[in-house]
């Protein structure tokens, strides 16, 4: 019996549900590995070699290499795990979120101070 998922039709939104969790398991495990300094150093020294140690899909690895966080999310990444990549790169969560919306960090910050998402993103 298929599970009804009406939330799949929300434009521009990826819900991190059980299916996404399964899809992104190894991507998210890789991200969590970056909590250890030694792993961050190994990753920074040779990103591709470190990624190849993980049972991630090639699309997931490429999304990490490209720092395409929106793609990572579509491939099962959870933003709270993906934040470890940004931290490894010395980026704030605001910088990461701004890059995901096509905004500068300052524009993103101002939008959040002014009450949240821009109406062009589908919410006021």
PDB file of N, CA and C in Angstrom:
ATOM      1  N   UNK A   1       0.842  -1.180   0.000  1.00  0.00           N
ATOM      2  CA  UNK A   1       0.000   0.000   0.000  1.00  0.00           C
ATOM      3  C   UNK A   1       0.887   1.243   0.000  1.00  0.00           C
ATOM      4  N   UNK A   2       0.695   2.107  -0.964  1.00  0.00           N
ATOM      5  CA  UNK A   2       1.489   3.322  -1.071  1.00  0.00           C
ATOM      6  C   UNK A   2       1.026   4.351  -0.045  1.00  0.00           C
ATOM      7  N   UNK A   3       1.984   5.028   0.527  1.00  0.00           N
ATOM      8  CA  UNK A   3       1.688   6.067   1.494  1.00  0.00           C
ATOM      9  C   UNK A   3       1.349   7.351   0.758  1.00  0.00           C
ATOM     10  N   UNK A   4       0.224   7.962   1.098  1.00  0.00           N
ATOM     11  CA  UNK A   4      -0.174   9.220   0.489  1.00  0.00           C
ATOM     12  C   UNK A   4       0.725  10.327   1.046  1.00  0.00           C
ATOM     13  N   UNK A   5       1.362  11.075   0.148  1.00  0.00           N
ATOM     14  CA  UNK A   5       2.272  12.141   0.568  1.00  0.00           C
ATOM     15  C   UNK A   5       1.874  13.450  -0.118  1.00  0.00           C
ATOM     16  N   UNK A   6       0.813  14.089   0.355  1.00  0.00           N
ATOM     17  CA  UNK A   6       0.373  15.326  -0.295  1.00  0.00           C
ATOM     18  C   UNK A   6       1.422  16.424  -0.255  1.00  0.00           C
ATOM     19  N   UNK A   7       2.352  16.359   0.681  1.00  0.00           N
ATOM     20  CA  UNK A   7       3.383  17.390   0.792  1.00  0.00           C
ATOM     21  C   UNK A   7       4.391  17.343  -0.355  1.00  0.00           C
ATOM     22  N   UNK A   8       4.401  16.289  -1.144  1.00  0.00           N
ATOM     23  CA  UNK A   8       5.342  16.217  -2.261  1.00  0.00           C
ATOM     24  C   UNK A   8       5.033  17.245  -3.341  1.00  0.00           C
ATOM     25  N   UNK A   9       3.818  17.771  -3.336  1.00  0.00           N
ATOM     26  CA  UNK A   9       3.424  18.752  -4.343  1.00  0.00           C
ATOM     27  C   UNK A   9       3.690  20.196  -3.963  1.00  0.00           C
ATOM     28  N   UNK A  10       4.354  20.448  -2.834  1.00  0.00           N
ATOM     29  CA  UNK A  10       4.633  21.825  -2.422  1.00  0.00           C
ATOM     30  C   UNK A  10       5.787  22.361  -3.259  1.00  0.00           C
ATOM     31  N   UNK A  11       5.544  23.363  -4.092  1.00  0.00           N
ATOM     32  CA  UNK A  11       6.597  23.858  -4.991  1.00  0.00           C
ATOM     33  C   UNK A  11       7.818  24.368  -4.236  1.00  0.00           C
ATOM     34  N   UNK A  12       8.987  23.988  -4.702  1.00  0.00           N
ATOM     35  CA  UNK A  12      10.231  24.487  -4.139  1.00  0.00           C
ATOM     36  C   UNK A  12      10.573  23.941  -2.772  1.00  0.00           C
ATOM     37  N   UNK A  13       9.902  22.864  -2.368  1.00  0.00           N
ATOM     38  CA  UNK A  13      10.108  22.323  -1.029  1.00  0.00           C
ATOM     39  C   UNK A  13      10.429  20.837  -1.107  1.00  0.00           C
ATOM     40  N   UNK A  14      11.471  20.440  -0.402  1.00  0.00           N
ATOM     41  CA  UNK A  14      11.793  19.025  -0.246  1.00  0.00           C
ATOM     42  C   UNK A  14      11.611  18.685   1.217  1.00  0.00           C
ATOM     43  N   UNK A  15      10.726  17.768   1.487  1.00  0.00           N
ATOM     44  CA  UNK A  15      10.461  17.331   2.856  1.00  0.00           C
ATOM     45  C   UNK A  15      11.412  16.177   3.173  1.00  0.00           C
ATOM     46  N   UNK A  16      12.107  16.291   4.290  1.00  0.00           N
ATOM     47  CA  UNK A  16      13.019  15.225   4.707  1.00  0.00           C
ATOM     48  C   UNK A  16      12.208  14.169   5.448  1.00  0.00           C
ATOM     49  N   UNK A  17      11.713  13.210   4.683  1.00  0.00           N
ATOM     50  CA  UNK A  17      10.922  12.131   5.258  1.00  0.00           C
ATOM     51  C   UNK A  17      11.745  10.837   5.243  1.00  0.00           C
ATOM     52  N   UNK A  18      11.097   9.721   5.541  1.00  0.00           N
ATOM     53  CA  UNK A  18      11.821   8.440   5.603  1.00  0.00           C
ATOM     54  C   UNK A  18      12.470   8.082   4.263  1.00  0.00           C
ATOM     55  N   UNK A  19      11.784   8.360   3.162  1.00  0.00           N
ATOM     56  CA  UNK A  19      12.364   8.055   1.846  1.00  0.00           C
ATOM     57  C   UNK A  19      13.613   8.895   1.581  1.00  0.00           C
ATOM     58  N   UNK A  20      13.540  10.188   1.897  1.00  0.00           N
ATOM     59  CA  UNK A  20      14.710  11.058   1.731  1.00  0.00           C
ATOM     60  C   UNK A  20      15.848  10.603   2.650  1.00  0.00           C
ATOM     61  N   UNK A  21      15.489  10.209   3.851  1.00  0.00           N
ATOM     62  CA  UNK A  21      16.488   9.750   4.802  1.00  0.00           C
ATOM     63  C   UNK A  21      17.239   8.527   4.270  1.00  0.00           C
ATOM     64  N   UNK A  22      16.494   7.578   3.710  1.00  0.00           N
ATOM     65  CA  UNK A  22      17.135   6.388   3.133  1.00  0.00           C
ATOM     66  C   UNK A  22      18.015   6.768   1.948  1.00  0.00           C
ATOM     67  N   UNK A  23      17.497   7.653   1.098  1.00  0.00           N
ATOM     68  CA  UNK A  23      18.245   8.062  -0.092  1.00  0.00           C
ATOM     69  C   UNK A  23      19.554   8.757   0.284  1.00  0.00           C
ATOM     70  N   UNK A  24      19.526   9.545   1.336  1.00  0.00           N
ATOM     71  CA  UNK A  24      20.687  10.342   1.713  1.00  0.00           C
ATOM     72  C   UNK A  24      21.522   9.786   2.841  1.00  0.00           C
ATOM     73  N   UNK A  25      21.279   8.542   3.216  1.00  0.00           N
ATOM     74  CA  UNK A  25      21.952   7.994   4.396  1.00  0.00           C
ATOM     75  C   UNK A  25      23.462   8.201   4.351  1.00  0.00           C
ATOM     76  N   UNK A  26      24.125   7.765   3.288  1.00  0.00           N
ATOM     77  CA  UNK A  26      25.587   7.845   3.237  1.00  0.00           C
ATOM     78  C   UNK A  26      26.068   9.285   3.067  1.00  0.00           C
ATOM     79  N   UNK A  27      25.322  10.098   2.349  1.00  0.00           N
ATOM     80  CA  UNK A  27      25.657  11.520   2.235  1.00  0.00           C
ATOM     81  C   UNK A  27      25.640  12.164   3.622  1.00  0.00           C
ATOM     82  N   UNK A  28      24.614  11.879   4.389  1.00  0.00           N
ATOM     83  CA  UNK A  28      24.503  12.461   5.720  1.00  0.00           C
ATOM     84  C   UNK A  28      25.540  11.887   6.683  1.00  0.00           C
ATOM     85  N   UNK A  29      25.880  10.611   6.523  1.00  0.00           N
ATOM     86  CA  UNK A  29      26.937  10.019   7.345  1.00  0.00           C
ATOM     87  C   UNK A  29      28.283  10.682   7.048  1.00  0.00           C
ATOM     88  N   UNK A  30      28.545  10.915   5.753  1.00  0.00           N
ATOM     89  CA  UNK A  30      29.766  11.645   5.372  1.00  0.00           C
ATOM     90  C   UNK A  30      29.798  13.001   6.070  1.00  0.00           C
ATOM     91  N   UNK A  31      28.684  13.734   5.997  1.00  0.00           N
ATOM     92  CA  UNK A  31      28.631  15.060   6.629  1.00  0.00           C
ATOM     93  C   UNK A  31      28.932  14.971   8.118  1.00  0.00           C
ATOM     94  N   UNK A  32      28.359  14.000   8.783  1.00  0.00           N
ATOM     95  CA  UNK A  32      28.582  13.861  10.223  1.00  0.00           C
ATOM     96  C   UNK A  32      30.034  13.503  10.522  1.00  0.00           C
ATOM     97  N   UNK A  33      30.707  12.838   9.594  1.00  0.00           N
ATOM     98  CA  UNK A  33      32.119  12.504   9.817  1.00  0.00           C
ATOM     99  C   UNK A  33      32.970  13.757   9.944  1.00  0.00           C
ATOM    100  N   UNK A  34      32.484  14.859   9.371  1.00  0.00           N
ATOM    101  CA  UNK A  34      33.234  16.113   9.397  1.00  0.00           C
ATOM    102  C   UNK A  34      33.228  16.771  10.774  1.00  0.00           C
ATOM    103  N   UNK A  35      32.568  16.152  11.723  1.00  0.00           N
ATOM    104  CA  UNK A  35      32.607  16.670  13.090  1.00  0.00           C
ATOM    105  C   UNK A  35      33.961  16.404  13.736  1.00  0.00           C
ATOM    106  N   UNK A  36      34.726  15.484  13.178  1.00  0.00           N
ATOM    107  CA  UNK A  36      36.045  15.156  13.728  1.00  0.00           C
ATOM    108  C   UNK A  36      37.119  15.903  12.947  1.00  0.00           C
ATOM    109  N   UNK A  37      38.006  16.565  13.671  1.00  0.00           N
ATOM    110  CA  UNK A  37      39.053  17.391  13.045  1.00  0.00           C
ATOM    111  C   UNK A  37      39.889  16.590  12.052  1.00  0.00           C
ATOM    112  N   UNK A  38      40.257  15.382  12.392  1.00  0.00           N
ATOM    113  CA  UNK A  38      41.068  14.566  11.497  1.00  0.00           C
ATOM    114  C   UNK A  38      40.369  14.293  10.177  1.00  0.00           C
ATOM    115  N   UNK A  39      39.071  14.073  10.237  1.00  0.00           N
ATOM    116  CA  UNK A  39      38.310  13.838   9.004  1.00  0.00           C
ATOM    117  C   UNK A  39      38.193  15.110   8.172  1.00  0.00           C
ATOM    118  N   UNK A  40      38.024  16.245   8.841  1.00  0.00           N
ATOM    119  CA  UNK A  40      37.977  17.514   8.098  1.00  0.00           C
ATOM    120  C   UNK A  40      39.295  17.746   7.373  1.00  0.00           C
ATOM    121  N   UNK A  41      40.394  17.468   8.048  1.00  0.00           N
ATOM    122  CA  UNK A  41      41.713  17.641   7.423  1.00  0.00           C
ATOM    123  C   UNK A  41      41.873  16.714   6.228  1.00  0.00           C
ATOM    124  N   UNK A  42      41.471  15.470   6.366  1.00  0.00           N
ATOM    125  CA  UNK A  42      41.564  14.517   5.258  1.00  0.00           C
ATOM    126  C   UNK A  42      40.701  14.964   4.086  1.00  0.00           C
ATOM    127  N   UNK A  43      39.493  15.449   4.379  1.00  0.00           N
ATOM    128  CA  UNK A  43      38.592  15.921   3.334  1.00  0.00           C
ATOM    129  C   UNK A  43      39.192  17.122   2.601  1.00  0.00           C
ATOM    130  N   UNK A  44      39.702  18.089   3.362  1.00  0.00           N
ATOM    131  CA  UNK A  44      40.275  19.287   2.739  1.00  0.00           C
ATOM    132  C   UNK A  44      41.520  18.958   1.916  1.00  0.00           C
ATOM    133  N   UNK A  45      42.271  17.969   2.330  1.00  0.00           N
ATOM    134  CA  UNK A  45      43.501  17.593   1.617  1.00  0.00           C
ATOM    135  C   UNK A  45      43.188  16.996   0.243  1.00  0.00           C
ATOM    136  N   UNK A  46      42.162  16.134   0.159  1.00  0.00           N
ATOM    137  CA  UNK A  46      41.784  15.503  -1.110  1.00  0.00           C
ATOM    138  C   UNK A  46      40.306  15.143  -1.034  1.00  0.00           C
ATOM    139  N   UNK A  47      39.470  16.108  -1.419  1.00  0.00           N
ATOM    140  CA  UNK A  47      38.032  15.943  -1.283  1.00  0.00           C
ATOM    141  C   UNK A  47      37.527  14.694  -2.005  1.00  0.00           C
ATOM    142  N   UNK A  48      37.965  14.521  -3.242  1.00  0.00           N
ATOM    143  CA  UNK A  48      37.466  13.389  -4.031  1.00  0.00           C
ATOM    144  C   UNK A  48      37.850  12.055  -3.381  1.00  0.00           C
ATOM    145  N   UNK A  49      39.063  11.927  -2.949  1.00  0.00           N
ATOM    146  CA  UNK A  49      39.507  10.669  -2.334  1.00  0.00           C
ATOM    147  C   UNK A  49      38.695  10.387  -1.073  1.00  0.00           C
ATOM    148  N   UNK A  50      38.446  11.416  -0.283  1.00  0.00           N
ATOM    149  CA  UNK A  50      37.671  11.208   0.940  1.00  0.00           C
ATOM    150  C   UNK A  50      36.234  10.815   0.604  1.00  0.00           C
ATOM    151  N   UNK A  51      35.634  11.487  -0.366  1.00  0.00           N
ATOM    152  CA  UNK A  51      34.264  11.152  -0.762  1.00  0.00           C
ATOM    153  C   UNK A  51      34.170   9.723  -1.285  1.00  0.00           C
ATOM    154  N   UNK A  52      35.209   9.276  -1.980  1.00  0.00           N
ATOM    155  CA  UNK A  52      35.187   7.926  -2.534  1.00  0.00           C
ATOM    156  C   UNK A  52      35.214   6.838  -1.462  1.00  0.00           C
ATOM    157  N   UNK A  53      35.486   7.201  -0.235  1.00  0.00           N
ATOM    158  CA  UNK A  53      35.434   6.240   0.865  1.00  0.00           C
ATOM    159  C   UNK A  53      34.000   5.967   1.316  1.00  0.00           C
ATOM    160  N   UNK A  54      33.063   6.748   0.825  1.00  0.00           N
ATOM    161  CA  UNK A  54      31.675   6.649   1.248  1.00  0.00           C
ATOM    162  C   UNK A  54      30.828   6.052   0.137  1.00  0.00           C
ATOM    163  N   UNK A  55      29.815   5.272   0.512  1.00  0.00           N
ATOM    164  CA  UNK A  55      28.934   4.592  -0.449  1.00  0.00           C
ATOM    165  C   UNK A  55      27.856   5.544  -0.970  1.00  0.00           C
ATOM    166  N   UNK A  56      28.291   6.724  -1.380  1.00  0.00           N
ATOM    167  CA  UNK A  56      27.385   7.727  -1.923  1.00  0.00           C
ATOM    168  C   UNK A  56      27.271   7.525  -3.431  1.00  0.00           C
ATOM    169  N   UNK A  57      26.190   8.042  -4.017  1.00  0.00           N
ATOM    170  CA  UNK A  57      26.072   8.000  -5.469  1.00  0.00           C
ATOM    171  C   UNK A  57      27.041   9.023  -6.075  1.00  0.00           C
ATOM    172  N   UNK A  58      27.326   8.854  -7.331  1.00  0.00           N
ATOM    173  CA  UNK A  58      28.193   9.815  -8.011  1.00  0.00           C
ATOM    174  C   UNK A  58      27.548  11.200  -8.015  1.00  0.00           C
ATOM    175  N   UNK A  59      26.233  11.259  -8.181  1.00  0.00           N
ATOM    176  CA  UNK A  59      25.527  12.546  -8.144  1.00  0.00           C
ATOM    177  C   UNK A  59      25.708  13.228  -6.785  1.00  0.00           C
ATOM    178  N   UNK A  60      25.623  12.469  -5.712  1.00  0.00           N
ATOM    179  CA  UNK A  60      25.815  13.040  -4.376  1.00  0.00           C
ATOM    180  C   UNK A  60      27.233  13.566  -4.214  1.00  0.00           C
ATOM    181  N   UNK A  61      28.209  12.782  -4.646  1.00  0.00           N
ATOM    182  CA  UNK A  61      29.606  13.221  -4.536  1.00  0.00           C
ATOM    183  C   UNK A  61      29.826  14.501  -5.330  1.00  0.00           C
ATOM    184  N   UNK A  62      29.298  14.552  -6.540  1.00  0.00           N
ATOM    185  CA  UNK A  62      29.490  15.741  -7.375  1.00  0.00           C
ATOM    186  C   UNK A  62      28.807  16.957  -6.772  1.00  0.00           C
ATOM    187  N   UNK A  63      27.622  16.765  -6.190  1.00  0.00           N
ATOM    188  CA  UNK A  63      26.921  17.875  -5.543  1.00  0.00           C
ATOM    189  C   UNK A  63      27.742  18.430  -4.387  1.00  0.00           C
ATOM    190  N   UNK A  64      28.404  17.548  -3.631  1.00  0.00           N
ATOM    191  CA  UNK A  64      29.274  18.005  -2.539  1.00  0.00           C
ATOM    192  C   UNK A  64      30.453  18.768  -3.121  1.00  0.00           C
ATOM    193  N   UNK A  65      31.101  18.214  -4.122  1.00  0.00           N
ATOM    194  CA  UNK A  65      32.256  18.876  -4.730  1.00  0.00           C
ATOM    195  C   UNK A  65      31.882  20.253  -5.278  1.00  0.00           C
ATOM    196  N   UNK A  66      30.687  20.351  -5.841  1.00  0.00           N
ATOM    197  CA  UNK A  66      30.204  21.623  -6.402  1.00  0.00           C
ATOM    198  C   UNK A  66      29.653  22.560  -5.327  1.00  0.00           C
ATOM    199  N   UNK A  67      29.512  22.039  -4.102  1.00  0.00           N
ATOM    200  CA  UNK A  67      28.884  22.768  -2.987  1.00  0.00           C
ATOM    201  C   UNK A  67      27.488  23.220  -3.381  1.00  0.00           C
ATOM    202  N   UNK A  68      26.795  22.366  -4.146  1.00  0.00           N
ATOM    203  CA  UNK A  68      25.426  22.626  -4.567  1.00  0.00           C
ATOM    204  C   UNK A  68      24.494  22.034  -3.510  1.00  0.00           C
ATOM    205  N   UNK A  69      24.210  22.836  -2.500  1.00  0.00           N
ATOM    206  CA  UNK A  69      23.436  22.346  -1.370  1.00  0.00           C
ATOM    207  C   UNK A  69      21.994  22.035  -1.731  1.00  0.00           C
ATOM    208  N   UNK A  70      21.428  22.772  -2.673  1.00  0.00           N
ATOM    209  CA  UNK A  70      20.072  22.457  -3.112  1.00  0.00           C
ATOM    210  C   UNK A  70      20.039  21.075  -3.759  1.00  0.00           C
ATOM    211  N   UNK A  71      21.046  20.764  -4.544  1.00  0.00           N
ATOM    212  CA  UNK A  71      21.139  19.426  -5.161  1.00  0.00           C
ATOM    213  C   UNK A  71      21.342  18.372  -4.081  1.00  0.00           C
ATOM    214  N   UNK A  72      22.195  18.648  -3.113  1.00  0.00           N
ATOM    215  CA  UNK A  72      22.398  17.709  -2.006  1.00  0.00           C
ATOM    216  C   UNK A  72      21.080  17.397  -1.309  1.00  0.00           C
ATOM    217  N   UNK A  73      20.263  18.414  -1.089  1.00  0.00           N
ATOM    218  CA  UNK A  73      18.972  18.201  -0.441  1.00  0.00           C
ATOM    219  C   UNK A  73      18.078  17.327  -1.316  1.00  0.00           C
ATOM    220  N   UNK A  74      18.058  17.593  -2.609  1.00  0.00           N
ATOM    221  CA  UNK A  74      17.221  16.774  -3.489  1.00  0.00           C
ATOM    222  C   UNK A  74      17.701  15.326  -3.537  1.00  0.00           C
ATOM    223  N   UNK A  75      18.972  15.103  -3.209  1.00  0.00           N
ATOM    224  CA  UNK A  75      19.547  13.755  -3.227  1.00  0.00           C
ATOM    225  C   UNK A  75      19.541  13.105  -1.847  1.00  0.00           C
ATOM    226  N   UNK A  76      18.776  13.673  -0.917  1.00  0.00           N
ATOM    227  CA  UNK A  76      18.602  13.062   0.389  1.00  0.00           C
ATOM    228  C   UNK A  76      19.349  13.716   1.527  1.00  0.00           C
ATOM    229  N   UNK A  77      20.052  14.793   1.246  1.00  0.00           N
ATOM    230  CA  UNK A  77      20.788  15.476   2.308  1.00  0.00           C
ATOM    231  C   UNK A  77      19.854  16.230   3.234  1.00  0.00           C
ATOM    232  N   UNK A  78      20.222  16.275   4.488  1.00  0.00           N
ATOM    233  CA  UNK A  78      19.487  17.034   5.490  1.00  0.00           C
ATOM    234  C   UNK A  78      20.302  18.283   5.795  1.00  0.00           C
ATOM    235  N   UNK A  79      19.668  19.437   5.784  1.00  0.00           N
ATOM    236  CA  UNK A  79      20.377  20.701   5.933  1.00  0.00           C
ATOM    237  C   UNK A  79      21.202  20.754   7.217  1.00  0.00           C
ATOM    238  N   UNK A  80      20.743  20.103   8.278  1.00  0.00           N
ATOM    239  CA  UNK A  80      21.493  20.146   9.530  1.00  0.00           C
ATOM    240  C   UNK A  80      22.772  19.323   9.440  1.00  0.00           C
ATOM    241  N   UNK A  81      22.768  18.292   8.625  1.00  0.00           N
ATOM    242  CA  UNK A  81      23.992  17.532   8.371  1.00  0.00           C
ATOM    243  C   UNK A  81      24.870  18.280   7.366  1.00  0.00           C
ATOM    244  N   UNK A  82      24.238  18.831   6.320  1.00  0.00           N
ATOM    245  CA  UNK A  82      24.982  19.554   5.288  1.00  0.00           C
ATOM    246  C   UNK A  82      25.702  20.775   5.853  1.00  0.00           C
ATOM    247  N   UNK A  83      25.203  21.302   6.951  1.00  0.00           N
ATOM    248  CA  UNK A  83      25.857  22.446   7.592  1.00  0.00           C
ATOM    249  C   UNK A  83      27.296  22.119   7.973  1.00  0.00           C
ATOM    250  N   UNK A  84      27.605  20.846   8.173  1.00  0.00           N
ATOM    251  CA  UNK A  84      28.979  20.437   8.521  1.00  0.00           C
ATOM    252  C   UNK A  84      29.940  20.722   7.366  1.00  0.00           C
ATOM    253  N   UNK A  85      29.448  20.631   6.132  1.00  0.00           N
ATOM    254  CA  UNK A  85      30.288  20.975   4.976  1.00  0.00           C
ATOM    255  C   UNK A  85      30.607  22.465   5.020  1.00  0.00           C
ATOM    256  N   UNK A  86      29.575  23.277   5.244  1.00  0.00           N
ATOM    257  CA  UNK A  86      29.788  24.717   5.327  1.00  0.00           C
ATOM    258  C   UNK A  86      30.749  25.079   6.442  1.00  0.00           C
ATOM    259  N   UNK A  87      30.591  24.449   7.593  1.00  0.00           N
ATOM    260  CA  UNK A  87      31.495  24.723   8.718  1.00  0.00           C
ATOM    261  C   UNK A  87      32.926  24.334   8.360  1.00  0.00           C
ATOM    262  N   UNK A  88      33.090  23.236   7.646  1.00  0.00           N
ATOM    263  CA  UNK A  88      34.419  22.803   7.206  1.00  0.00           C
ATOM    264  C   UNK A  88      35.036  23.838   6.273  1.00  0.00           C
ATOM    265  N   UNK A  89      34.193  24.477   5.471  1.00  0.00           N
ATOM    266  CA  UNK A  89      34.647  25.521   4.549  1.00  0.00           C
ATOM    267  C   UNK A  89      34.765  26.885   5.216  1.00  0.00           C
ATOM    268  N   UNK A  90      34.430  26.965   6.505  1.00  0.00           N
ATOM    269  CA  UNK A  90      34.501  28.240   7.213  1.00  0.00           C
ATOM    270  C   UNK A  90      33.340  29.162   6.919  1.00  0.00           C
ATOM    271  N   UNK A  91      32.195  28.602   6.521  1.00  0.00           N
ATOM    272  CA  UNK A  91      31.025  29.409   6.188  1.00  0.00           C
ATOM    273  C   UNK A  91      29.997  29.353   7.307  1.00  0.00           C
ATOM    274  N   UNK A  92      29.303  30.454   7.484  1.00  0.00           N
ATOM    275  CA  UNK A  92      28.217  30.500   8.455  1.00  0.00           C
ATOM    276  C   UNK A  92      26.965  29.875   7.840  1.00  0.00           C
ATOM    277  N   UNK A  93      26.013  29.554   8.694  1.00  0.00           N
ATOM    278  CA  UNK A  93      24.749  29.025   8.202  1.00  0.00           C
ATOM    279  C   UNK A  93      24.055  30.070   7.325  1.00  0.00           C
ATOM    280  N   UNK A  94      24.172  31.343   7.683  1.00  0.00           N
ATOM    281  CA  UNK A  94      23.577  32.407   6.863  1.00  0.00           C
ATOM    282  C   UNK A  94      24.201  32.447   5.475  1.00  0.00           C
ATOM    283  N   UNK A  95      25.509  32.276   5.388  1.00  0.00           N
ATOM    284  CA  UNK A  95      26.163  32.260   4.079  1.00  0.00           C
ATOM    285  C   UNK A  95      25.663  31.086   3.248  1.00  0.00           C
ATOM    286  N   UNK A  96      25.530  29.940   3.895  1.00  0.00           N
ATOM    287  CA  UNK A  96      25.041  28.761   3.184  1.00  0.00           C
ATOM    288  C   UNK A  96      23.608  28.973   2.700  1.00  0.00           C
ATOM    289  N   UNK A  97      22.739  29.448   3.583  1.00  0.00           N
ATOM    290  CA  UNK A  97      21.338  29.665   3.219  1.00  0.00           C
ATOM    291  C   UNK A  97      21.227  30.708   2.114  1.00  0.00           C
ATOM    292  N   UNK A  98      22.012  31.751   2.204  1.00  0.00           N
ATOM    293  CA  UNK A  98      22.009  32.760   1.149  1.00  0.00           C
ATOM    294  C   UNK A  98      22.380  32.169  -0.194  1.00  0.00           C
ATOM    295  N   UNK A  99      23.399  31.316  -0.207  1.00  0.00           N
ATOM    296  CA  UNK A  99      23.827  30.704  -1.475  1.00  0.00           C
ATOM    297  C   UNK A  99      22.737  29.800  -2.039  1.00  0.00           C
ATOM    298  N   UNK A 100      21.939  29.210  -1.177  1.00  0.00           N
ATOM    299  CA  UNK A 100      20.875  28.318  -1.629  1.00  0.00           C
ATOM    300  C   UNK A 100      19.703  29.078  -2.233  1.00  0.00           C
ATOM    301  N   UNK A 101      19.564  30.348  -1.891  1.00  0.00           N
ATOM    302  CA  UNK A 101      18.462  31.159  -2.402  1.00  0.00           C
ATOM    303  C   UNK A 101      18.914  32.116  -3.502  1.00  0.00           C
ATOM    304  N   UNK A 102      20.211  32.106  -3.793  1.00  0.00           N
ATOM    305  CA  UNK A 102      20.732  33.033  -4.791  1.00  0.00           C
ATOM    306  C   UNK A 102      20.899  34.445  -4.262  1.00  0.00           C
ATOM    307  N   UNK A 103      20.917  34.575  -2.946  1.00  0.00           N
ATOM    308  CA  UNK A 103      21.038  35.888  -2.320  1.00  0.00           C
ATOM    309  C   UNK A 103      22.410  36.017  -1.671  1.00  0.00           C
ATOM    310  N   UNK A 104      22.816  37.249  -1.469  1.00  0.00           N
ATOM    311  CA  UNK A 104      24.029  37.471  -0.691  1.00  0.00           C
ATOM    312  C   UNK A 104      23.706  37.199   0.774  1.00  0.00           C
ATOM    313  N   UNK A 105      24.747  37.035   1.562  1.00  0.00           N
ATOM    314  CA  UNK A 105      24.532  36.825   2.996  1.00  0.00           C
ATOM    315  C   UNK A 105      23.776  38.001   3.601  1.00  0.00           C
ATOM    316  N   UNK A 106      24.161  39.232   3.214  1.00  0.00           N
ATOM    317  CA  UNK A 106      23.496  40.423   3.761  1.00  0.00           C
ATOM    318  C   UNK A 106      22.025  40.492   3.349  1.00  0.00           C
ATOM    319  N   UNK A 107      21.730  40.189   2.078  1.00  0.00           N
ATOM    320  CA  UNK A 107      20.342  40.200   1.618  1.00  0.00           C
ATOM    321  C   UNK A 107      19.520  39.132   2.340  1.00  0.00           C
ATOM    322  N   UNK A 108      20.108  37.963   2.515  1.00  0.00           N
ATOM    323  CA  UNK A 108      19.415  36.891   3.222  1.00  0.00           C
ATOM    324  C   UNK A 108      19.131  37.304   4.671  1.00  0.00           C
ATOM    325  N   UNK A 109      20.132  37.857   5.336  1.00  0.00           N
ATOM    326  CA  UNK A 109      19.964  38.308   6.719  1.00  0.00           C
ATOM    327  C   UNK A 109      18.849  39.344   6.803  1.00  0.00           C
ATOM    328  N   UNK A 110      18.861  40.324   5.895  1.00  0.00           N
ATOM    329  CA  UNK A 110      17.847  41.383   5.914  1.00  0.00           C
ATOM    330  C   UNK A 110      16.456  40.806   5.690  1.00  0.00           C
ATOM    331  N   UNK A 111      16.343  39.841   4.779  1.00  0.00           N
ATOM    332  CA  UNK A 111      15.052  39.220   4.531  1.00  0.00           C
ATOM    333  C   UNK A 111      14.533  38.548   5.809  1.00  0.00           C
ATOM    334  N   UNK A 112      15.402  37.851   6.511  1.00  0.00           N
ATOM    335  CA  UNK A 112      14.984  37.158   7.731  1.00  0.00           C
ATOM    336  C   UNK A 112      14.625  38.153   8.834  1.00  0.00           C
ATOM    337  N   UNK A 113      15.360  39.240   8.925  1.00  0.00           N
ATOM    338  CA  UNK A 113      15.046  40.283   9.908  1.00  0.00           C
ATOM    339  C   UNK A 113      13.672  40.883   9.609  1.00  0.00           C
ATOM    340  N   UNK A 114      13.357  40.995   8.316  1.00  0.00           N
ATOM    341  CA  UNK A 114      12.082  41.589   7.903  1.00  0.00           C
ATOM    342  C   UNK A 114      10.918  40.607   7.935  1.00  0.00           C
ATOM    343  N   UNK A 115      11.103  39.458   8.508  1.00  0.00           N
ATOM    344  CA  UNK A 115       9.968  38.563   8.707  1.00  0.00           C
ATOM    345  C   UNK A 115       9.956  37.304   7.887  1.00  0.00           C
ATOM    346  N   UNK A 116      10.982  37.008   7.152  1.00  0.00           N
ATOM    347  CA  UNK A 116      11.019  35.715   6.475  1.00  0.00           C
ATOM    348  C   UNK A 116      11.089  35.794   4.977  1.00  0.00           C
ATOM    349  N   UNK A 117      10.638  34.738   4.371  1.00  0.00           N
ATOM    350  CA  UNK A 117      10.816  34.537   2.942  1.00  0.00           C
ATOM    351  C   UNK A 117      10.182  35.627   2.099  1.00  0.00           C
ATOM    352  N   UNK A 118      10.833  35.912   1.016  1.00  0.00           N
ATOM    353  CA  UNK A 118      10.325  36.840   0.031  1.00  0.00           C
ATOM    354  C   UNK A 118       9.081  36.216  -0.631  1.00  0.00           C
ATOM    355  N   UNK A 119       8.052  37.001  -0.917  1.00  0.00           N
ATOM    356  CA  UNK A 119       6.840  36.438  -1.545  1.00  0.00           C
ATOM    357  C   UNK A 119       7.117  35.677  -2.845  1.00  0.00           C
ATOM    358  N   UNK A 120       8.182  36.023  -3.555  1.00  0.00           N
ATOM    359  CA  UNK A 120       8.468  35.307  -4.801  1.00  0.00           C
ATOM    360  C   UNK A 120       8.791  33.830  -4.534  1.00  0.00           C
ATOM    361  N   UNK A 121       9.096  33.478  -3.277  1.00  0.00           N
ATOM    362  CA  UNK A 121       9.369  32.089  -2.920  1.00  0.00           C
ATOM    363  C   UNK A 121       8.090  31.363  -2.525  1.00  0.00           C
ATOM    364  N   UNK A 122       6.944  32.038  -2.572  1.00  0.00           N
ATOM    365  CA  UNK A 122       5.685  31.370  -2.344  1.00  0.00           C
ATOM    366  C   UNK A 122       5.079  31.548  -0.965  1.00  0.00           C
ATOM    367  N   UNK A 123       5.727  32.323  -0.117  1.00  0.00           N
ATOM    368  CA  UNK A 123       5.177  32.590   1.212  1.00  0.00           C
ATOM    369  C   UNK A 123       5.419  34.048   1.557  1.00  0.00           C
ATOM    370  N   UNK A 124       4.591  34.562   2.436  1.00  0.00           N
ATOM    371  CA  UNK A 124       4.816  35.919   2.942  1.00  0.00           C
ATOM    372  C   UNK A 124       5.149  35.871   4.408  1.00  0.00           C
TER     373      UNK A 124
END
